[in-house]
């Protein structure tokens, strides 16, 4: 991989600057994460690690799903 390619890879893997958000996950990804937790019993930590988000984010998706259904995601 070229030097420029390596730098681009590093830049993409870093978290965004404070106050900026990453791109939103599609609803299908959120729904799959929620179902992995609720229906298959996967821990929030495991799902979050695989997606690159915090367990708190997954928890919020689950909470929103419980109160609003799929439309909430």
Protein backbone atom coordinates (compact mmCIF):
# COMPACT_ATOMS: atom_id res chain seq x y z
CA UNK A 1 0.00 0.00 0.00
CA UNK A 2 1.29 3.45 -0.87
CA UNK A 3 2.15 6.06 1.75
CA UNK A 4 -0.92 8.10 0.74
CA UNK A 5 -3.11 4.99 1.03
CA UNK A 6 -1.76 4.26 4.51
CA UNK A 7 -2.46 7.83 5.63
CA UNK A 8 -6.01 7.65 4.28
CA UNK A 9 -6.56 4.35 6.12
CA UNK A 10 -5.36 5.91 9.40
CA UNK A 11 -7.58 8.96 8.90
CA UNK A 12 -10.68 6.80 8.31
CA UNK A 13 -10.04 4.68 11.41
CA UNK A 14 -9.78 7.65 13.78
CA UNK A 15 -12.84 8.89 15.63
CA UNK A 16 -14.30 12.16 14.34
CA UNK A 17 -13.22 15.41 16.00
CA UNK A 18 -15.10 16.33 19.15
CA UNK A 19 -18.56 17.65 18.41
CA UNK A 20 -18.80 15.91 15.03
CA UNK A 21 -20.70 12.71 14.39
CA UNK A 22 -19.86 9.69 12.31
CA UNK A 23 -22.18 8.75 9.49
CA UNK A 24 -25.42 7.25 10.76
CA UNK A 25 -25.90 3.50 10.55
CA UNK A 26 -28.70 2.34 8.25
CA UNK A 27 -31.88 1.21 9.96
CA UNK A 28 -31.26 -2.39 8.83
CA UNK A 29 -27.96 -2.48 10.72
CA UNK A 30 -29.56 -1.06 13.85
CA UNK A 31 -32.44 -3.52 13.64
CA UNK A 32 -30.06 -6.47 13.21
CA UNK A 33 -28.05 -5.29 16.23
CA UNK A 34 -31.20 -4.95 18.33
CA UNK A 35 -32.43 -8.40 17.31
CA UNK A 36 -29.04 -9.97 18.03
CA UNK A 37 -29.38 -8.66 21.58
CA UNK A 38 -33.07 -9.25 22.23
CA UNK A 39 -33.71 -12.47 20.32
CA UNK A 40 -30.33 -14.20 20.34
CA UNK A 41 -28.97 -12.92 23.65
CA UNK A 42 -25.70 -11.42 22.44
CA UNK A 43 -24.18 -8.98 24.96
CA UNK A 44 -24.27 -5.29 24.08
CA UNK A 45 -20.48 -5.16 24.37
CA UNK A 46 -20.00 -7.85 21.72
CA UNK A 47 -22.38 -6.25 19.24
CA UNK A 48 -20.89 -2.81 19.81
CA UNK A 49 -17.35 -4.10 19.33
CA UNK A 50 -18.27 -5.69 16.00
CA UNK A 51 -19.95 -2.50 14.77
CA UNK A 52 -17.41 -0.09 16.22
CA UNK A 53 -19.91 1.68 18.48
CA UNK A 54 -20.26 1.85 22.24
CA UNK A 55 -22.48 -0.50 24.19
CA UNK A 56 -24.41 2.61 25.24
CA UNK A 57 -25.27 3.29 21.59
CA UNK A 58 -26.63 -0.24 21.18
CA UNK A 59 -28.55 0.19 24.46
CA UNK A 60 -30.15 3.37 23.11
CA UNK A 61 -31.16 1.57 19.90
CA UNK A 62 -32.75 -1.20 21.97
CA UNK A 63 -34.56 1.31 24.18
CA UNK A 64 -35.86 3.20 21.13
CA UNK A 65 -36.93 -0.07 19.46
CA UNK A 66 -38.88 -1.07 22.56
CA UNK A 67 -40.72 2.24 22.74
CA UNK A 68 -41.18 3.04 19.01
CA UNK A 69 -40.68 -0.22 17.14
CA UNK A 70 -38.77 -0.49 13.88
CA UNK A 71 -39.82 3.04 12.91
CA UNK A 72 -37.76 4.39 15.81
CA UNK A 73 -34.56 3.11 14.30
